[in-house]
Amino acid sequence: MAPIMLGYKETPFEAMHPGEFYYELLVSGRLKIDPAKRIKEPVTLQDPCNIIRRAGAAEKFRYIVEQCCEDFREMYPNREHNFCCNAGGGLAVLAQWISHKARGNRVKAEQIMATGAKIVITPCHNCNVGIKDIINYYKLPVKTMFFDELIVNTMYIPEEMLPEEG
């Protein structure tokens, strides 16, 4: 997907979504999750349209969430059939349309609530903004969390890398 968006037939470098990079780090053992830090609250995952439909990252993203969280709950439908967050393609930055988009995304609010999750994991910035707009509009008792935040909050940090107390 990146070569097309950057105007290349092929890029002179490898481009990947951060979630795919985290997946590689976890699978290779270069990044470890601390079992004591795993998220205990129920979570669900927003499948970002482009990266799921064009790059097939759905299973990699689920692997990350399952490693970092104790209670992962799927939305239905999911993967390439998941309902859009309504913020892709730059719509996330159009403030004048926030309430209109959120009103039109009642089905997404219902989909999130049906999971019973307290956290929606969002691998995409636009999805994070779109889901937050829905949460705020419908006053849903959930919050969002980026993959980066999920990894940082649950990763194992070797003792020699911990900050000194004092």
N, C-alpha and C. Protein backbone atom coordinates (compact mmCIF):
# COMPACT_ATOMS: atom_id res chain seq x y z
N MET A 1 0.82 -1.18 0.00
CA MET A 1 0.00 0.00 0.00
C MET A 1 0.87 1.26 0.00
N ALA A 2 1.94 1.27 0.77
CA ALA A 2 2.79 2.46 0.88
C ALA A 2 3.38 2.89 -0.46
N PRO A 3 3.88 1.97 -1.31
CA PRO A 3 4.46 2.44 -2.58
C PRO A 3 3.46 3.25 -3.41
N ILE A 4 2.24 2.79 -3.49
CA ILE A 4 1.23 3.49 -4.28
C ILE A 4 0.97 4.87 -3.69
N MET A 5 0.82 4.94 -2.37
CA MET A 5 0.53 6.21 -1.72
C MET A 5 1.70 7.19 -1.85
N LEU A 6 2.92 6.68 -1.95
CA LEU A 6 4.10 7.53 -2.07
C LEU A 6 4.46 7.83 -3.53
N GLY A 7 3.70 7.25 -4.46
CA GLY A 7 3.93 7.51 -5.87
C GLY A 7 4.99 6.62 -6.51
N TYR A 8 5.35 5.54 -5.88
CA TYR A 8 6.34 4.61 -6.41
C TYR A 8 5.66 3.34 -6.93
N LYS A 9 6.30 2.69 -7.90
CA LYS A 9 5.88 1.34 -8.23
C LYS A 9 6.42 0.42 -7.15
N GLU A 10 7.67 0.68 -6.76
CA GLU A 10 8.30 0.00 -5.63
C GLU A 10 9.11 1.03 -4.87
N THR A 11 9.03 1.00 -3.55
CA THR A 11 9.80 1.96 -2.76
C THR A 11 11.25 1.48 -2.65
N PRO A 12 12.18 2.41 -2.47
CA PRO A 12 13.58 2.03 -2.29
C PRO A 12 13.86 1.54 -0.87
N PHE A 13 12.81 1.35 -0.09
CA PHE A 13 12.93 0.89 1.29
C PHE A 13 11.68 0.08 1.62
N GLU A 14 11.77 -0.71 2.67
CA GLU A 14 10.61 -1.48 3.10
C GLU A 14 9.76 -0.61 4.02
N ALA A 15 8.49 -0.53 3.70
CA ALA A 15 7.55 0.22 4.55
C ALA A 15 6.57 -0.77 5.16
N MET A 16 6.29 -0.58 6.43
CA MET A 16 5.31 -1.44 7.09
C MET A 16 4.57 -0.65 8.15
N HIS A 17 3.38 -1.11 8.46
CA HIS A 17 2.58 -0.51 9.52
C HIS A 17 3.26 -0.81 10.85
N PRO A 18 3.23 0.12 11.81
CA PRO A 18 3.83 -0.16 13.12
C PRO A 18 3.31 -1.45 13.75
N GLY A 19 2.04 -1.76 13.54
CA GLY A 19 1.49 -3.00 14.08
C GLY A 19 2.17 -4.24 13.52
N GLU A 20 2.52 -4.19 12.24
CA GLU A 20 3.24 -5.30 11.63
C GLU A 20 4.65 -5.40 12.22
N PHE A 21 5.26 -4.25 12.49
CA PHE A 21 6.59 -4.22 13.11
C PHE A 21 6.53 -4.80 14.52
N TYR A 22 5.52 -4.40 15.32
CA TYR A 22 5.36 -4.95 16.67
C TYR A 22 5.16 -6.46 16.61
N TYR A 23 4.37 -6.90 15.65
CA TYR A 23 4.14 -8.34 15.48
C TYR A 23 5.47 -9.06 15.26
N GLU A 24 6.29 -8.54 14.34
CA GLU A 24 7.59 -9.17 14.07
C GLU A 24 8.47 -9.20 15.31
N LEU A 25 8.46 -8.11 16.07
CA LEU A 25 9.26 -8.07 17.31
C LEU A 25 8.77 -9.09 18.32
N LEU A 26 7.46 -9.23 18.46
CA LEU A 26 6.90 -10.20 19.42
C LEU A 26 7.20 -11.64 19.00
N VAL A 27 6.95 -11.94 17.73
CA VAL A 27 7.15 -13.31 17.24
C VAL A 27 8.61 -13.72 17.31
N SER A 28 9.52 -12.78 17.03
CA SER A 28 10.95 -13.08 17.05
C SER A 28 11.52 -13.13 18.47
N GLY A 29 10.76 -12.66 19.45
CA GLY A 29 11.23 -12.64 20.83
C GLY A 29 12.04 -11.41 21.20
N ARG A 30 12.21 -10.49 20.25
CA ARG A 30 12.96 -9.26 20.55
C ARG A 30 12.16 -8.31 21.44
N LEU A 31 10.86 -8.50 21.48
CA LEU A 31 9.98 -7.75 22.37
C LEU A 31 9.18 -8.77 23.16
N LYS A 32 9.17 -8.60 24.47
CA LYS A 32 8.46 -9.54 25.34
C LYS A 32 7.41 -8.78 26.14
N ILE A 33 6.31 -9.47 26.38
CA ILE A 33 5.23 -8.90 27.18
C ILE A 33 5.36 -9.44 28.60
N ASP A 34 5.26 -8.55 29.56
CA ASP A 34 5.31 -8.92 30.97
C ASP A 34 3.93 -9.43 31.38
N PRO A 35 3.81 -10.71 31.72
CA PRO A 35 2.50 -11.26 32.07
C PRO A 35 1.78 -10.48 33.17
N ALA A 36 2.53 -9.90 34.10
CA ALA A 36 1.93 -9.14 35.19
C ALA A 36 1.34 -7.81 34.72
N LYS A 37 1.76 -7.35 33.55
CA LYS A 37 1.29 -6.06 33.04
C LYS A 37 0.17 -6.18 32.01
N ARG A 38 -0.20 -7.41 31.67
CA ARG A 38 -1.25 -7.58 30.66
C ARG A 38 -2.51 -6.83 31.06
N ILE A 39 -3.19 -6.24 30.10
CA ILE A 39 -4.42 -5.49 30.34
C ILE A 39 -5.50 -6.47 30.79
N LYS A 40 -6.09 -6.19 31.92
CA LYS A 40 -7.10 -7.09 32.48
C LYS A 40 -8.52 -6.72 32.06
N GLU A 41 -8.77 -5.45 31.78
CA GLU A 41 -10.10 -5.02 31.35
C GLU A 41 -10.43 -5.64 29.99
N PRO A 42 -11.71 -5.88 29.71
CA PRO A 42 -12.07 -6.39 28.38
C PRO A 42 -11.76 -5.37 27.29
N VAL A 43 -11.17 -5.85 26.21
CA VAL A 43 -10.81 -4.99 25.08
C VAL A 43 -11.42 -5.52 23.79
N THR A 44 -11.58 -4.63 22.83
CA THR A 44 -11.94 -5.03 21.48
C THR A 44 -10.99 -4.31 20.53
N LEU A 45 -11.04 -4.68 19.27
CA LEU A 45 -10.09 -4.16 18.28
C LEU A 45 -10.84 -3.55 17.11
N GLN A 46 -10.50 -2.31 16.76
CA GLN A 46 -11.03 -1.69 15.55
C GLN A 46 -10.13 -2.09 14.39
N ASP A 47 -10.69 -2.76 13.39
CA ASP A 47 -9.93 -3.13 12.21
C ASP A 47 -9.87 -1.94 11.25
N PRO A 48 -8.70 -1.34 11.06
CA PRO A 48 -8.60 -0.21 10.13
C PRO A 48 -8.82 -0.68 8.69
N CYS A 49 -9.67 0.01 7.97
CA CYS A 49 -10.08 -0.43 6.63
C CYS A 49 -8.91 -0.72 5.70
N ASN A 50 -8.03 0.26 5.49
CA ASN A 50 -6.98 0.09 4.49
C ASN A 50 -5.98 -1.00 4.85
N ILE A 51 -5.47 -0.98 6.06
CA ILE A 51 -4.42 -1.94 6.41
C ILE A 51 -4.97 -3.36 6.50
N ILE A 52 -6.24 -3.51 6.83
CA ILE A 52 -6.84 -4.84 6.90
C ILE A 52 -7.20 -5.33 5.51
N ARG A 53 -7.85 -4.50 4.73
CA ARG A 53 -8.33 -4.93 3.41
C ARG A 53 -7.21 -5.01 2.38
N ARG A 54 -6.23 -4.12 2.46
CA ARG A 54 -5.17 -4.09 1.44
C ARG A 54 -3.92 -4.85 1.85
N ALA A 55 -3.65 -4.91 3.13
CA ALA A 55 -2.39 -5.53 3.56
C ALA A 55 -2.59 -6.82 4.33
N GLY A 56 -3.83 -7.17 4.66
CA GLY A 56 -4.09 -8.44 5.32
C GLY A 56 -3.47 -8.59 6.69
N ALA A 57 -3.48 -7.55 7.49
CA ALA A 57 -2.82 -7.57 8.80
C ALA A 57 -3.72 -8.02 9.95
N ALA A 58 -4.92 -8.47 9.65
CA ALA A 58 -5.90 -8.78 10.71
C ALA A 58 -5.37 -9.78 11.73
N GLU A 59 -4.77 -10.86 11.29
CA GLU A 59 -4.32 -11.88 12.25
C GLU A 59 -3.12 -11.40 13.05
N LYS A 60 -2.26 -10.62 12.43
CA LYS A 60 -1.11 -10.05 13.15
C LYS A 60 -1.59 -9.13 14.27
N PHE A 61 -2.58 -8.31 13.96
CA PHE A 61 -3.11 -7.38 14.96
C PHE A 61 -3.76 -8.13 16.11
N ARG A 62 -4.47 -9.21 15.80
CA ARG A 62 -5.10 -10.01 16.85
C ARG A 62 -4.05 -10.70 17.73
N TYR A 63 -2.97 -11.13 17.11
CA TYR A 63 -1.89 -11.75 17.87
C TYR A 63 -1.35 -10.76 18.90
N ILE A 64 -1.13 -9.52 18.48
CA ILE A 64 -0.62 -8.49 19.40
C ILE A 64 -1.58 -8.29 20.56
N VAL A 65 -2.86 -8.11 20.24
CA VAL A 65 -3.86 -7.87 21.28
C VAL A 65 -3.95 -9.06 22.23
N GLU A 66 -3.93 -10.26 21.70
CA GLU A 66 -4.02 -11.46 22.55
C GLU A 66 -2.80 -11.61 23.45
N GLN A 67 -1.64 -11.17 22.99
CA GLN A 67 -0.43 -11.24 23.81
C GLN A 67 -0.48 -10.22 24.95
N CYS A 68 -1.06 -9.06 24.68
CA CYS A 68 -1.04 -7.93 25.64
C CYS A 68 -2.27 -7.85 26.54
N CYS A 69 -3.32 -8.58 26.20
CA CYS A 69 -4.60 -8.43 26.91
C CYS A 69 -5.15 -9.79 27.34
N GLU A 70 -5.75 -9.82 28.52
CA GLU A 70 -6.31 -11.06 29.03
C GLU A 70 -7.71 -11.36 28.51
N ASP A 71 -8.46 -10.33 28.11
CA ASP A 71 -9.86 -10.51 27.75
C ASP A 71 -10.16 -9.78 26.44
N PHE A 72 -9.82 -10.43 25.31
CA PHE A 72 -10.06 -9.85 23.98
C PHE A 72 -11.42 -10.30 23.48
N ARG A 73 -12.24 -9.34 23.08
CA ARG A 73 -13.59 -9.63 22.59
C ARG A 73 -13.75 -9.07 21.18
N GLU A 74 -14.05 -9.96 20.25
CA GLU A 74 -14.23 -9.56 18.85
C GLU A 74 -15.50 -8.74 18.66
N MET A 75 -15.42 -7.78 17.76
CA MET A 75 -16.63 -7.13 17.26
C MET A 75 -17.17 -8.03 16.15
N TYR A 76 -18.45 -7.97 15.93
CA TYR A 76 -19.05 -8.72 14.82
C TYR A 76 -19.89 -7.76 13.99
N PRO A 77 -19.64 -7.71 12.68
CA PRO A 77 -18.61 -8.43 11.94
C PRO A 77 -17.23 -7.84 12.24
N ASN A 78 -16.19 -8.56 11.77
CA ASN A 78 -14.82 -8.10 12.04
C ASN A 78 -13.93 -8.33 10.82
N ARG A 79 -12.67 -8.05 11.01
CA ARG A 79 -11.65 -8.12 9.97
C ARG A 79 -12.08 -7.24 8.78
N GLU A 80 -12.02 -7.76 7.56
CA GLU A 80 -12.34 -6.92 6.40
C GLU A 80 -13.82 -6.56 6.31
N HIS A 81 -14.64 -7.16 7.16
CA HIS A 81 -16.08 -6.86 7.15
C HIS A 81 -16.50 -5.95 8.31
N ASN A 82 -15.54 -5.53 9.14
CA ASN A 82 -15.85 -4.66 10.27
C ASN A 82 -16.42 -3.34 9.77
N PHE A 83 -17.28 -2.73 10.57
CA PHE A 83 -17.83 -1.43 10.20
C PHE A 83 -16.75 -0.36 10.33
N CYS A 84 -16.76 0.57 9.39
CA CYS A 84 -15.78 1.65 9.35
C CYS A 84 -15.98 2.60 10.53
N CYS A 85 -14.90 3.24 10.94
CA CYS A 85 -14.94 4.23 12.03
C CYS A 85 -15.48 5.57 11.53
N ASN A 86 -15.56 5.72 10.21
CA ASN A 86 -16.06 6.95 9.58
C ASN A 86 -15.08 8.11 9.67
N ALA A 87 -13.80 7.83 9.84
CA ALA A 87 -12.82 8.91 9.94
C ALA A 87 -11.68 8.77 8.93
N GLY A 88 -11.71 7.74 8.11
CA GLY A 88 -10.63 7.53 7.15
C GLY A 88 -10.68 8.51 6.00
N GLY A 89 -9.66 8.48 5.19
CA GLY A 89 -9.60 9.34 4.03
C GLY A 89 -9.58 10.82 4.35
N GLY A 90 -9.12 11.16 5.54
CA GLY A 90 -9.03 12.56 5.93
C GLY A 90 -10.27 13.11 6.60
N LEU A 91 -11.34 12.31 6.69
CA LEU A 91 -12.56 12.79 7.34
C LEU A 91 -12.34 13.10 8.82
N ALA A 92 -11.32 12.51 9.41
CA ALA A 92 -11.05 12.71 10.83
C ALA A 92 -10.78 14.18 11.16
N VAL A 93 -10.26 14.93 10.21
CA VAL A 93 -9.88 16.32 10.49
C VAL A 93 -10.97 17.34 10.18
N LEU A 94 -12.10 16.89 9.68
CA LEU A 94 -13.18 17.80 9.33
C LEU A 94 -14.09 18.02 10.52
N ALA A 95 -13.70 18.93 11.39
CA ALA A 95 -14.41 19.15 12.66
C ALA A 95 -15.88 19.49 12.47
N GLN A 96 -16.22 20.19 11.40
CA GLN A 96 -17.60 20.59 11.21
C GLN A 96 -18.53 19.39 10.96
N TRP A 97 -17.97 18.23 10.69
CA TRP A 97 -18.79 17.05 10.40
C TRP A 97 -18.81 16.04 11.55
N ILE A 98 -18.17 16.34 12.68
CA ILE A 98 -18.04 15.37 13.76
C ILE A 98 -19.39 14.82 14.20
N SER A 99 -20.34 15.67 14.55
CA SER A 99 -21.63 15.17 15.05
C SER A 99 -22.40 14.46 13.95
N HIS A 100 -22.30 14.95 12.72
CA HIS A 100 -22.98 14.30 11.60
C HIS A 100 -22.44 12.89 11.39
N LYS A 101 -21.11 12.76 11.40
CA LYS A 101 -20.49 11.45 11.23
C LYS A 101 -20.87 10.52 12.38
N ALA A 102 -20.80 11.03 13.60
CA ALA A 102 -21.11 10.21 14.77
C ALA A 102 -22.56 9.74 14.75
N ARG A 103 -23.47 10.64 14.39
CA ARG A 103 -24.89 10.26 14.30
C ARG A 103 -25.08 9.14 13.29
N GLY A 104 -24.37 9.26 12.18
CA GLY A 104 -24.46 8.25 11.13
C GLY A 104 -23.74 6.96 11.48
N ASN A 105 -23.02 6.96 12.56
CA ASN A 105 -22.25 5.77 12.94
C ASN A 105 -22.82 5.11 14.20
N ARG A 106 -24.10 5.23 14.39
CA ARG A 106 -24.77 4.58 15.53
C ARG A 106 -24.50 3.07 15.52
N VAL A 107 -24.47 2.49 14.32
CA VAL A 107 -24.23 1.05 14.21
C VAL A 107 -22.85 0.69 14.77
N LYS A 108 -21.87 1.58 14.61
CA LYS A 108 -20.54 1.33 15.15
C LYS A 108 -20.57 1.40 16.67
N ALA A 109 -21.30 2.38 17.21
CA ALA A 109 -21.45 2.50 18.67
C ALA A 109 -22.09 1.23 19.23
N GLU A 110 -23.12 0.74 18.57
CA GLU A 110 -23.80 -0.48 19.02
C GLU A 110 -22.87 -1.69 18.91
N GLN A 111 -22.06 -1.73 17.85
CA GLN A 111 -21.12 -2.83 17.66
C GLN A 111 -20.10 -2.86 18.80
N ILE A 112 -19.59 -1.70 19.16
CA ILE A 112 -18.62 -1.61 20.26
C ILE A 112 -19.26 -2.05 21.57
N MET A 113 -20.44 -1.52 21.87
CA MET A 113 -21.11 -1.82 23.13
C MET A 113 -21.49 -3.30 23.25
N ALA A 114 -21.81 -3.93 22.14
CA ALA A 114 -22.18 -5.35 22.15
C ALA A 114 -21.04 -6.24 22.64
N THR A 115 -19.80 -5.77 22.54
CA THR A 115 -18.66 -6.58 22.98
C THR A 115 -18.52 -6.57 24.50
N GLY A 116 -19.02 -5.53 25.16
CA GLY A 116 -18.82 -5.39 26.60
C GLY A 116 -17.42 -4.90 26.94
N ALA A 117 -16.65 -4.51 25.92
CA ALA A 117 -15.28 -4.04 26.14
C ALA A 117 -15.26 -2.68 26.82
N LYS A 118 -14.19 -2.43 27.55
CA LYS A 118 -13.97 -1.13 28.19
C LYS A 118 -12.92 -0.31 27.43
N ILE A 119 -12.18 -1.00 26.55
CA ILE A 119 -11.12 -0.35 25.77
C ILE A 119 -11.25 -0.80 24.31
N VAL A 120 -11.17 0.16 23.39
CA VAL A 120 -11.11 -0.15 21.96
C VAL A 120 -9.67 0.09 21.51
N ILE A 121 -8.99 -0.97 21.11
CA ILE A 121 -7.63 -0.86 20.61
C ILE A 121 -7.71 -0.35 19.17
N THR A 122 -6.96 0.71 18.88
CA THR A 122 -7.00 1.32 17.55
C THR A 122 -5.60 1.38 16.96
N PRO A 123 -5.33 0.58 15.92
CA PRO A 123 -4.02 0.59 15.28
C PRO A 123 -3.80 1.78 14.34
N CYS A 124 -4.80 2.60 14.14
CA CYS A 124 -4.77 3.67 13.14
C CYS A 124 -5.16 5.00 13.79
N HIS A 125 -4.43 6.07 13.47
CA HIS A 125 -4.74 7.38 14.05
C HIS A 125 -6.14 7.84 13.67
N ASN A 126 -6.52 7.71 12.40
CA ASN A 126 -7.86 8.12 11.99
C ASN A 126 -8.93 7.33 12.74
N CYS A 127 -8.71 6.03 12.90
CA CYS A 127 -9.68 5.21 13.65
C CYS A 127 -9.77 5.69 15.10
N ASN A 128 -8.64 6.04 15.68
CA ASN A 128 -8.65 6.51 17.06
C ASN A 128 -9.51 7.76 17.19
N VAL A 129 -9.34 8.70 16.28
CA VAL A 129 -10.14 9.93 16.29
C VAL A 129 -11.61 9.62 16.05
N GLY A 130 -11.89 8.77 15.05
CA GLY A 130 -13.28 8.43 14.74
C GLY A 130 -13.99 7.73 15.88
N ILE A 131 -13.30 6.78 16.52
CA ILE A 131 -13.89 6.05 17.64
C ILE A 131 -14.09 7.00 18.83
N LYS A 132 -13.14 7.89 19.08
CA LYS A 132 -13.31 8.87 20.17
C LYS A 132 -14.52 9.76 19.91
N ASP A 133 -14.73 10.17 18.66
CA ASP A 133 -15.90 10.98 18.33
C ASP A 133 -17.19 10.22 18.64
N ILE A 134 -17.22 8.94 18.31
CA ILE A 134 -18.40 8.11 18.59
C ILE A 134 -18.59 7.96 20.09
N ILE A 135 -17.50 7.69 20.81
CA ILE A 135 -17.56 7.54 22.27
C ILE A 135 -18.12 8.82 22.90
N ASN A 136 -17.62 9.96 22.48
CA ASN A 136 -18.07 11.23 23.04
C ASN A 136 -19.52 11.54 22.67
N TYR A 137 -19.89 11.29 21.43
CA TYR A 137 -21.24 11.61 20.97
C TYR A 137 -22.29 10.76 21.70
N TYR A 138 -22.01 9.46 21.83
CA TYR A 138 -22.97 8.54 22.46
C TYR A 138 -22.71 8.33 23.95
N LYS A 139 -21.69 9.02 24.48
CA LYS A 139 -21.33 8.90 25.90
C LYS A 139 -21.13 7.43 26.30
N LEU A 140 -20.34 6.73 25.51
CA LEU A 140 -20.07 5.32 25.76
C LEU A 140 -19.06 5.19 26.91
N PRO A 141 -19.23 4.18 27.77
CA PRO A 141 -18.31 3.98 28.90
C PRO A 141 -17.05 3.20 28.50
N VAL A 142 -16.41 3.64 27.44
CA VAL A 142 -15.19 2.99 26.94
C VAL A 142 -14.16 4.07 26.62
N LYS A 143 -12.91 3.63 26.43
CA LYS A 143 -11.85 4.54 26.00
C LYS A 143 -11.09 3.88 24.86
N THR A 144 -10.26 4.65 24.19
CA THR A 144 -9.43 4.10 23.12
C THR A 144 -8.00 3.96 23.61
N MET A 145 -7.27 3.09 22.93
CA MET A 145 -5.84 2.92 23.23
C MET A 145 -5.14 2.55 21.92
N PHE A 146 -4.10 3.31 21.58
CA PHE A 146 -3.28 3.01 20.41
C PHE A 146 -2.44 1.75 20.66
N PHE A 147 -2.02 1.09 19.58
CA PHE A 147 -1.09 -0.04 19.70
C PHE A 147 0.16 0.37 20.47
N ASP A 148 0.71 1.55 20.17
CA ASP A 148 1.95 2.00 20.83
C ASP A 148 1.76 2.00 22.35
N GLU A 149 0.65 2.58 22.79
CA GLU A 149 0.34 2.65 24.22
C GLU A 149 0.17 1.26 24.81
N LEU A 150 -0.49 0.39 24.06
CA LEU A 150 -0.69 -0.99 24.50
C LEU A 150 0.66 -1.68 24.71
N ILE A 151 1.55 -1.54 23.75
CA ILE A 151 2.87 -2.17 23.85
C ILE A 151 3.67 -1.59 25.02
N VAL A 152 3.74 -0.27 25.10
CA VAL A 152 4.52 0.38 26.17
C VAL A 152 3.99 0.00 27.55
N ASN A 153 2.68 -0.10 27.70
CA ASN A 153 2.09 -0.43 29.00
C ASN A 153 2.28 -1.88 29.41
N THR A 154 2.55 -2.76 28.46
CA THR A 154 2.60 -4.19 28.79
C THR A 154 3.96 -4.84 28.55
N MET A 155 4.89 -4.14 27.95
CA MET A 155 6.17 -4.77 27.60
C MET A 155 7.03 -5.04 28.83
N TYR A 156 7.83 -6.08 28.71
CA TYR A 156 8.81 -6.42 29.73
C TYR A 156 10.00 -5.48 29.56
N ILE A 157 10.44 -4.88 30.65
CA ILE A 157 11.62 -4.01 30.62
C ILE A 157 12.68 -4.66 31.50
N PRO A 158 13.83 -5.04 30.91
CA PRO A 158 14.89 -5.65 31.71
C PRO A 158 15.32 -4.73 32.85
N GLU A 159 15.67 -5.34 33.97
CA GLU A 159 16.02 -4.58 35.17
C GLU A 159 17.11 -3.54 34.93
N GLU A 160 18.10 -3.89 34.11
CA GLU A 160 19.20 -2.95 33.86
C GLU A 160 18.75 -1.73 33.05
N MET A 161 17.57 -1.79 32.48
CA MET A 161 17.06 -0.65 31.70
C MET A 161 16.06 0.20 32.48
N LEU A 162 15.72 -0.24 33.68
CA LEU A 162 14.78 0.53 34.50
C LEU A 162 15.47 1.78 35.03
N PRO A 163 14.72 2.86 35.20
CA PRO A 163 15.34 4.08 35.75
C PRO A 163 15.78 3.86 37.19
N GLU A 164 16.85 4.51 37.55
CA GLU A 164 17.35 4.40 38.92
C GLU A 164 16.41 5.13 39.86
N GLU A 165 16.19 4.52 41.01
CA GLU A 165 15.34 5.17 42.02
C GLU A 165 16.21 6.12 42.83
N GLY A 166 15.61 7.21 43.22
CA GLY A 166 16.40 8.09 44.06
C GLY A 166 16.02 9.45 43.90
